[in-house]
Amino acid sequence: MLEELNNYTLSVSAEAPWLLPLCFAMFGACIGSFLNVVIYRLPRGMRVNEPARSFCPDCKKEIPWYLNIPIISWLILRGKSACCKQRISARYCVVETATALIFAAVAWQFSAESLPVQVLLCIWMATMLAVLCIDWEQMVVLPKLTNTAAAVGILTALFAPWLVEPQALSATDGLLWSLCGAGGGYLLLKTVALMGRLLFGRKSKSYDRAQPWQLQQAGDDLELRIGNEVYLWSELFMESSNRVTLRGADISAAKDAEPGDITFTVGTAVLADDSVIDLEEHDSLSGNCTGMSTSKEAMGSGDALIAISIGAVCGWQGVIFALVAGSCVGLLQALITRIGRGEPMPFGPAFIIGAILYLFYGNVLINQYLSSFAY
């Protein structure tokens, strides 16, 4: 049955090469609509299927099916909800369009492959697109999505082992290379993160005289003031492993303690005598300090999870390609949108774009690069 279906799709592609990509594009637009539900609900702790119907993000009114047609509804409504006339993010239309284009590109680029390979690649790319958008908007990587993408990547390697390793011929080879790619990608990103932390993650400054400091609530965030400088807690602790140390500091919550180094984690303050102060038990903390140092992760731990998903379908060489290409994309993104603004920027979206480029063009670009050294 599956072989007959593959033969049929191959014959259709031969006679009408545009037909299968068109069908995939239409299906991709519908999947993109579902991805918008995933992107909105999962970071908010909601279930994808509860409530079952899509609803307006502003007034929460259910959206009827005839106003929930992918791409078309957003364009007809001019980016506004029909119920409360509030603006709807262009991301909804962009995700649906991007998913349609990606699905069409898969059907076109991999037309010689079996239908299961095309479908699995579409599922992998759709899942990674959800990871990309959530990381872009919330700066968080959800393990349930990256784990799903990794599992789909391993399954894809069974049907198309050459995607993971050009020399792989059997499903067993594909499985082994996929697992090696996932593990290698994780270790590579962890190594890069460690090197980045050692080289760029540690910053230190000293003051000519003791400066007053205060930690207090600022809206939904905490705010650390040292003299005239202000630091937001969410930016200092984008990763739970980050640390902030006030040197030669005293603290209002322990007036009898000798001045010394106070090390802050995201939820505690550890004094020089190793006593611990729970930040949630205090409305504010204050004191004086003679210096400050920070220890930050150069890359988020979520990037390593993304590397597992990429390595599972692209292999270790795909992870390296995606890392280099993603760095170029990230640099371009920083130059265009964020240079000089001091805003944190997730690497995950650029990393995923690099992986998608590899799946479509990676082997061609690598072979051209290697062949240039052969002459």
Protein backbone atom coordinates (compact mmCIF):
# COMPACT_ATOMS: atom_id res chain seq x y z
CA MET A 1 0.00 0.00 0.00
CA LEU A 2 2.73 2.46 1.00
CA GLU A 3 4.83 1.51 -2.03
CA GLU A 4 1.88 2.04 -4.35
CA LEU A 5 1.26 5.45 -2.77
CA ASN A 6 4.91 6.39 -3.23
CA ASN A 7 4.82 5.33 -6.87
CA TYR A 8 1.65 7.34 -7.40
CA THR A 9 3.12 10.51 -5.87
CA LEU A 10 6.28 10.07 -7.95
CA SER A 11 4.21 9.76 -11.13
CA VAL A 12 2.18 12.82 -10.18
CA SER A 13 5.38 14.78 -9.52
CA ALA A 14 6.71 13.76 -12.91
CA GLU A 15 3.58 14.81 -14.81
CA ALA A 16 2.63 17.89 -12.74
CA PRO A 17 5.58 18.96 -10.56
CA TRP A 18 3.60 21.89 -9.12
CA LEU A 19 0.65 19.84 -7.83
CA LEU A 20 2.21 18.14 -4.79
CA PRO A 21 3.89 21.34 -3.53
CA LEU A 22 0.54 23.13 -3.90
CA CYS A 23 -1.23 20.45 -1.84
CA PHE A 24 1.51 20.56 0.77
CA ALA A 25 1.28 24.37 0.89
CA MET A 26 -2.47 24.28 1.55
CA PHE A 27 -2.01 21.65 4.25
CA GLY A 28 0.91 23.64 5.66
CA ALA A 29 -1.24 26.75 6.05
CA CYS A 30 -3.67 24.73 8.18
CA ILE A 31 -0.80 23.33 10.26
CA GLY A 32 0.48 26.89 10.65
CA SER A 33 -2.88 27.86 12.15
CA PHE A 34 -2.50 25.03 14.66
CA LEU A 35 1.07 26.14 15.40
CA ASN A 36 -0.25 29.56 16.38
CA VAL A 37 -2.38 27.83 19.02
CA VAL A 38 0.70 25.95 20.26
CA ILE A 39 2.83 29.11 20.31
CA TYR A 40 0.22 31.04 22.30
CA ARG A 41 -0.93 28.36 24.76
CA LEU A 42 2.05 26.21 25.73
CA PRO A 43 4.22 29.00 27.24
CA ARG A 44 1.18 30.07 29.28
CA GLY A 45 0.70 26.61 30.74
CA MET A 46 -2.48 25.98 28.76
CA ARG A 47 -3.47 22.77 27.03
CA VAL A 48 -3.53 22.82 23.27
CA ASN A 49 -6.97 21.20 23.11
CA GLU A 50 -8.61 23.06 26.01
CA PRO A 51 -10.58 25.06 25.10
CA ALA A 52 -11.18 23.22 21.85
CA ARG A 53 -12.02 26.34 19.83
CA SER A 54 -9.67 29.21 19.08
CA PHE A 55 -10.44 32.44 20.92
CA CYS A 56 -9.60 36.11 20.69
CA PRO A 57 -6.44 36.83 22.74
CA ASP A 58 -7.96 40.11 24.00
CA CYS A 59 -11.65 39.54 24.83
CA LYS A 60 -11.41 35.70 24.90
CA LYS A 61 -14.49 35.31 22.68
CA GLU A 62 -14.56 32.16 20.55
CA ILE A 63 -13.63 32.66 16.90
CA PRO A 64 -16.11 31.11 14.40
CA TRP A 65 -14.62 28.82 11.76
CA TYR A 66 -15.36 31.21 8.88
CA LEU A 67 -13.18 33.87 10.57
CA ASN A 68 -10.38 31.39 11.26
CA ILE A 69 -9.30 30.55 7.70
CA PRO A 70 -5.47 30.48 7.54
CA ILE A 71 -3.84 33.59 6.05
CA ILE A 72 -7.06 34.76 4.35
CA SER A 73 -8.94 35.72 7.52
CA TRP A 74 -6.07 37.84 8.86
CA LEU A 75 -5.79 39.68 5.54
CA ILE A 76 -9.54 40.25 5.18
CA LEU A 77 -9.82 41.53 8.76
CA ARG A 78 -6.69 43.68 8.20
CA GLY A 79 -4.98 42.34 11.26
CA LYS A 80 -7.83 43.13 13.67
CA SER A 81 -10.19 40.85 15.58
CA ALA A 82 -13.81 40.84 14.41
CA CYS A 83 -15.19 40.79 17.97
CA CYS A 84 -13.39 43.61 19.78
CA LYS A 85 -11.50 45.26 16.91
CA GLN A 86 -8.17 44.90 18.74
CA ARG A 87 -5.04 44.45 16.67
CA ILE A 88 -3.93 40.86 16.11
CA SER A 89 -0.19 40.28 15.83
CA ALA A 90 1.17 39.83 12.32
CA ARG A 91 2.92 36.74 13.70
CA TYR A 92 -0.27 34.74 13.12
CA CYS A 93 -0.23 35.43 9.39
CA VAL A 94 3.56 35.10 9.16
CA VAL A 95 3.56 31.66 10.82
CA GLU A 96 0.78 30.36 8.57
CA THR A 97 2.50 31.70 5.46
CA ALA A 98 5.93 30.44 6.50
CA THR A 99 4.57 26.96 7.26
CA ALA A 100 2.84 26.83 3.87
CA LEU A 101 6.03 27.87 2.07
CA ILE A 102 8.19 25.44 4.03
CA PHE A 103 5.85 22.52 3.32
CA ALA A 104 5.79 23.42 -0.37
CA ALA A 105 9.59 23.66 -0.42
CA VAL A 106 9.91 20.23 1.18
CA ALA A 107 7.59 18.70 -1.42
CA TRP A 108 9.58 20.36 -4.20
CA GLN A 109 13.11 19.79 -2.89
CA PHE A 110 12.54 16.20 -1.77
CA SER A 111 10.18 15.16 -4.57
CA ALA A 112 12.38 12.14 -5.32
CA GLU A 113 11.99 10.83 -1.77
CA SER A 114 9.17 8.71 -0.41
CA LEU A 115 6.04 10.33 0.94
CA PRO A 116 6.83 9.35 4.58
CA VAL A 117 10.16 11.23 4.36
CA GLN A 118 8.42 14.35 3.08
CA VAL A 119 5.73 14.16 5.76
CA LEU A 120 8.25 13.57 8.58
CA LEU A 121 10.42 16.47 7.41
CA CYS A 122 7.35 18.71 7.40
CA ILE A 123 6.46 17.64 10.95
CA TRP A 124 10.04 18.27 12.10
CA MET A 125 10.12 21.72 10.53
CA ALA A 126 6.69 22.63 11.89
CA THR A 127 7.74 21.63 15.41
CA MET A 128 10.99 23.60 15.14
CA LEU A 129 9.06 26.61 13.82
CA ALA A 130 7.00 26.53 17.01
CA VAL A 131 10.22 26.34 19.05
CA LEU A 132 11.60 29.29 17.07
CA CYS A 133 8.59 31.52 17.67
CA ILE A 134 8.27 30.71 21.37
CA ASP A 135 11.98 31.34 21.92
CA TRP A 136 11.72 34.60 19.98
CA GLU A 137 8.71 35.87 21.94
CA GLN A 138 9.27 34.38 25.40
CA MET A 139 13.02 33.56 25.37
CA VAL A 140 12.24 30.05 26.59
CA VAL A 141 12.72 26.64 24.96
CA LEU A 142 10.09 24.04 25.84
CA PRO A 143 11.59 20.52 26.22
CA LYS A 144 8.34 18.84 25.15
CA LEU A 145 8.67 20.45 21.71
CA THR A 146 12.39 19.77 21.25
CA ASN A 147 11.90 16.19 22.43
CA THR A 148 9.13 15.76 19.87
CA ALA A 149 11.35 17.17 17.13
CA ALA A 150 14.22 14.88 18.17
CA ALA A 151 11.95 11.82 18.06
CA VAL A 152 10.66 12.81 14.61
CA GLY A 153 14.25 13.40 13.48
CA ILE A 154 15.31 9.91 14.56
CA LEU A 155 12.30 8.41 12.77
CA THR A 156 13.18 10.39 9.64
CA ALA A 157 16.72 8.97 9.75
CA LEU A 158 15.28 5.46 9.56
CA PHE A 159 13.57 6.27 6.25
CA ALA A 160 16.28 8.59 4.86
CA PRO A 161 19.64 7.73 6.51
CA TRP A 162 21.51 9.82 3.93
CA LEU A 163 20.08 12.99 5.52
CA VAL A 164 22.09 12.30 8.68
CA GLU A 165 25.17 10.82 7.02
CA PRO A 166 25.69 10.82 3.22
CA GLN A 167 27.45 7.44 3.38
CA ALA A 168 24.72 5.75 5.43
CA LEU A 169 22.76 3.16 3.45
CA SER A 170 20.56 1.23 5.88
CA ALA A 171 17.98 2.15 8.48
CA THR A 172 20.33 0.84 11.17
CA ASP A 173 23.08 3.18 9.95
CA GLY A 174 20.59 6.04 9.95
CA LEU A 175 19.52 5.29 13.52
CA LEU A 176 23.11 5.13 14.80
CA TRP A 177 24.18 8.30 13.01
CA SER A 178 21.03 10.08 14.20
CA LEU A 179 21.72 9.19 17.83
CA CYS A 180 25.36 10.19 17.41
CA GLY A 181 24.29 13.47 15.82
CA ALA A 182 21.87 14.23 18.66
CA GLY A 183 24.42 13.41 21.35
CA GLY A 184 27.24 15.17 19.51
CA GLY A 185 25.10 18.27 19.00
CA TYR A 186 24.31 18.42 22.71
CA LEU A 187 27.97 18.06 23.72
CA LEU A 188 29.07 20.61 21.12
CA LEU A 189 26.62 23.27 22.35
CA LYS A 190 27.52 22.58 25.97
CA THR A 191 31.22 22.98 25.11
CA VAL A 192 30.57 26.22 23.22
CA ALA A 193 28.50 27.52 26.15
CA LEU A 194 31.25 26.65 28.64
CA MET A 195 33.92 28.34 26.54
CA GLY A 196 31.70 31.38 26.07
CA ARG A 197 31.07 31.59 29.79
CA LEU A 198 34.80 31.46 30.55
CA LEU A 199 35.66 34.04 27.88
CA PHE A 200 32.71 36.41 27.93
CA GLY A 201 30.38 35.44 30.78
CA ARG A 202 32.37 36.90 33.65
CA LYS A 203 32.33 40.64 34.24
CA SER A 204 33.65 42.54 37.22
CA LYS A 205 33.84 46.14 38.37
CA SER A 206 35.17 47.90 41.45
CA TYR A 207 34.11 51.23 42.93
CA ASP A 208 36.45 53.92 44.24
CA ARG A 209 34.25 54.17 47.30
CA ALA A 210 31.44 52.10 48.78
CA GLN A 211 28.18 52.40 46.84
CA PRO A 212 24.67 51.94 48.24
CA TRP A 213 22.73 49.06 46.73
CA GLN A 214 19.08 48.08 46.92
CA LEU A 215 17.05 45.13 45.65
CA GLN A 216 13.33 45.81 45.36
CA GLN A 217 10.21 44.93 43.41
CA ALA A 218 9.68 46.71 40.09
CA GLY A 219 6.36 45.63 38.58
CA ASP A 220 6.56 41.93 37.79
CA ASP A 221 10.36 42.00 38.03
CA LEU A 222 13.04 42.73 40.61
CA GLU A 223 15.36 45.69 40.30
CA LEU A 224 18.92 45.88 41.59
CA ARG A 225 20.26 49.40 42.08
CA ILE A 226 23.93 50.05 42.74
CA GLY A 227 24.63 53.75 42.98
CA ASN A 228 23.17 55.20 39.76
CA GLU A 229 23.16 51.87 37.92
CA VAL A 230 19.98 49.79 37.51
CA TYR A 231 19.84 46.07 36.64
CA LEU A 232 16.69 44.03 36.00
CA TRP A 233 16.63 40.62 37.68
CA SER A 234 15.17 38.95 34.58
CA GLU A 235 18.17 40.06 32.53
CA LEU A 236 20.74 39.12 35.17
CA PHE A 237 19.19 35.66 35.58
CA MET A 238 18.12 34.65 32.10
CA GLU A 239 19.58 31.27 33.10
CA SER A 240 19.09 29.81 36.58
CA SER A 241 22.82 29.02 36.79
CA ASN A 242 23.78 32.71 36.54
CA ARG A 243 25.28 34.39 39.61
CA VAL A 244 25.69 38.00 40.81
CA THR A 245 28.20 38.82 43.55
CA LEU A 246 28.43 42.04 45.54
CA ARG A 247 31.94 42.36 46.97
CA GLY A 248 32.72 43.89 50.35
CA ALA A 249 28.99 44.18 50.95
CA ASP A 250 26.75 44.40 53.98
CA ILE A 251 23.03 43.69 53.97
CA SER A 252 20.09 45.13 55.91
CA ALA A 253 18.64 41.68 56.64
CA ALA A 254 21.77 40.66 58.59
CA LYS A 255 23.06 43.78 60.31
CA ASP A 256 25.35 41.84 62.62
CA ALA A 257 27.14 40.03 59.79
CA GLU A 258 30.63 41.15 58.82
CA PRO A 259 30.92 42.80 55.36
CA GLY A 260 31.99 40.32 52.69
CA ASP A 261 30.92 38.81 49.39
CA ILE A 262 27.17 38.33 48.91
CA THR A 263 26.31 35.96 46.08
CA PHE A 264 22.84 36.17 44.60
CA THR A 265 21.07 33.35 42.81
CA VAL A 266 17.70 33.91 41.18
CA GLY A 267 15.90 33.37 44.51
CA THR A 268 18.47 33.61 47.32
CA ALA A 269 21.32 35.64 48.74
CA VAL A 270 24.27 33.66 50.14
CA LEU A 271 26.34 35.60 52.67
CA ALA A 272 30.04 35.26 53.35
CA ASP A 273 29.37 32.95 56.33
CA ASP A 274 27.30 30.67 53.99
CA SER A 275 24.01 31.68 55.59
CA VAL A 276 21.16 31.94 53.09
CA ILE A 277 18.47 34.61 52.79
CA ASP A 278 15.30 33.76 50.86
CA LEU A 279 14.46 36.76 48.67
CA GLU A 280 10.72 35.99 48.70
CA GLU A 281 10.64 36.65 52.45
CA HIS A 282 11.74 40.28 52.03
CA ASP A 283 10.06 43.20 50.29
CA SER A 284 13.44 44.84 49.77
CA LEU A 285 17.10 44.42 50.70
CA SER A 286 19.77 47.08 50.86
CA GLY A 287 23.30 47.83 51.99
CA ASN A 288 26.66 49.05 50.67
CA CYS A 289 29.25 47.35 48.47
CA THR A 290 32.68 48.04 47.01
CA GLY A 291 32.34 46.02 43.82
CA MET A 292 30.18 43.78 41.67
CA SER A 293 30.78 40.74 39.46
CA THR A 294 28.50 38.62 37.31
CA SER A 295 28.77 35.10 35.96
CA LYS A 296 26.45 34.43 33.05
CA GLU A 297 25.91 31.60 30.60
CA ALA A 298 26.99 32.67 27.11
CA MET A 299 24.26 30.48 25.61
CA GLY A 300 21.01 29.31 27.12
CA SER A 301 20.53 25.70 28.16
CA GLY A 302 17.63 25.53 25.70
CA ASP A 303 20.07 25.89 22.80
CA ALA A 304 21.56 22.51 23.72
CA LEU A 305 18.07 20.97 23.50
CA ILE A 306 17.65 22.54 20.07
CA ALA A 307 21.02 21.04 19.07
CA ILE A 308 19.72 17.56 19.97
CA SER A 309 16.73 18.06 17.65
CA ILE A 310 18.95 19.34 14.85
CA GLY A 311 21.55 16.60 15.25
CA ALA A 312 18.87 13.89 15.13
CA VAL A 313 17.90 14.77 11.55
CA CYS A 314 20.97 16.65 10.24
CA GLY A 315 23.81 14.76 11.93
CA TRP A 316 26.82 16.28 13.66
CA GLN A 317 27.92 18.07 10.49
CA GLY A 318 24.48 19.68 10.27
CA VAL A 319 24.81 20.97 13.82
CA ILE A 320 28.15 22.59 12.97
CA PHE A 321 26.71 24.11 9.79
CA ALA A 322 23.65 25.39 11.66
CA LEU A 323 25.87 26.83 14.40
CA VAL A 324 28.00 28.77 11.89
CA ALA A 325 25.08 29.82 9.70
CA GLY A 326 23.02 30.70 12.76
CA SER A 327 25.83 32.90 14.06
CA CYS A 328 25.81 34.80 10.77
CA VAL A 329 22.02 35.14 10.88
CA GLY A 330 22.17 36.26 14.52
CA LEU A 331 24.84 38.85 13.72
CA LEU A 332 22.75 40.21 10.86
CA GLN A 333 19.71 40.29 13.13
CA ALA A 334 21.66 42.19 15.80
CA LEU A 335 22.95 44.73 13.29
CA ILE A 336 19.47 45.37 11.90
CA THR A 337 17.32 45.36 15.04
CA ARG A 338 19.15 45.45 18.34
CA ILE A 339 22.62 46.93 18.06
CA GLY A 340 23.25 49.49 20.77
CA ARG A 341 19.98 48.77 22.59
CA GLY A 342 21.34 46.39 25.18
CA GLU A 343 18.43 43.99 24.74
CA PRO A 344 18.88 40.24 25.25
CA MET A 345 18.60 38.23 22.04
CA PRO A 346 17.86 34.50 21.85
CA PHE A 347 20.16 32.41 19.65
CA GLY A 348 17.64 29.59 19.14
CA PRO A 349 15.73 31.18 16.21
CA ALA A 350 18.92 31.83 14.24
CA PHE A 351 20.17 28.32 15.09
CA ILE A 352 16.97 26.76 13.72
CA ILE A 353 17.10 28.87 10.56
CA GLY A 354 20.66 27.59 10.03
CA ALA A 355 19.43 24.00 10.36
CA ILE A 356 16.61 24.53 7.84
CA LEU A 357 19.13 26.05 5.40
CA TYR A 358 21.30 22.96 5.87
CA LEU A 359 18.46 20.57 5.04
CA PHE A 360 17.74 22.39 1.80
CA TYR A 361 21.20 23.53 0.71
CA GLY A 362 23.79 22.27 3.20
CA ASN A 363 25.21 19.34 1.25
CA VAL A 364 25.42 21.39 -1.94
CA LEU A 365 27.24 24.25 -0.22
CA ILE A 366 29.61 21.92 1.62
CA ASN A 367 30.46 19.98 -1.55
CA GLN A 368 31.10 23.21 -3.44
CA TYR A 369 33.32 24.43 -0.62
CA LEU A 370 35.31 21.19 -0.52
CA SER A 371 35.62 21.01 -4.28
CA SER A 372 37.21 24.46 -4.31
CA PHE A 373 40.23 22.93 -2.53
CA ALA A 374 40.53 20.13 -5.05
CA TYR A 375 41.94 22.36 -7.78
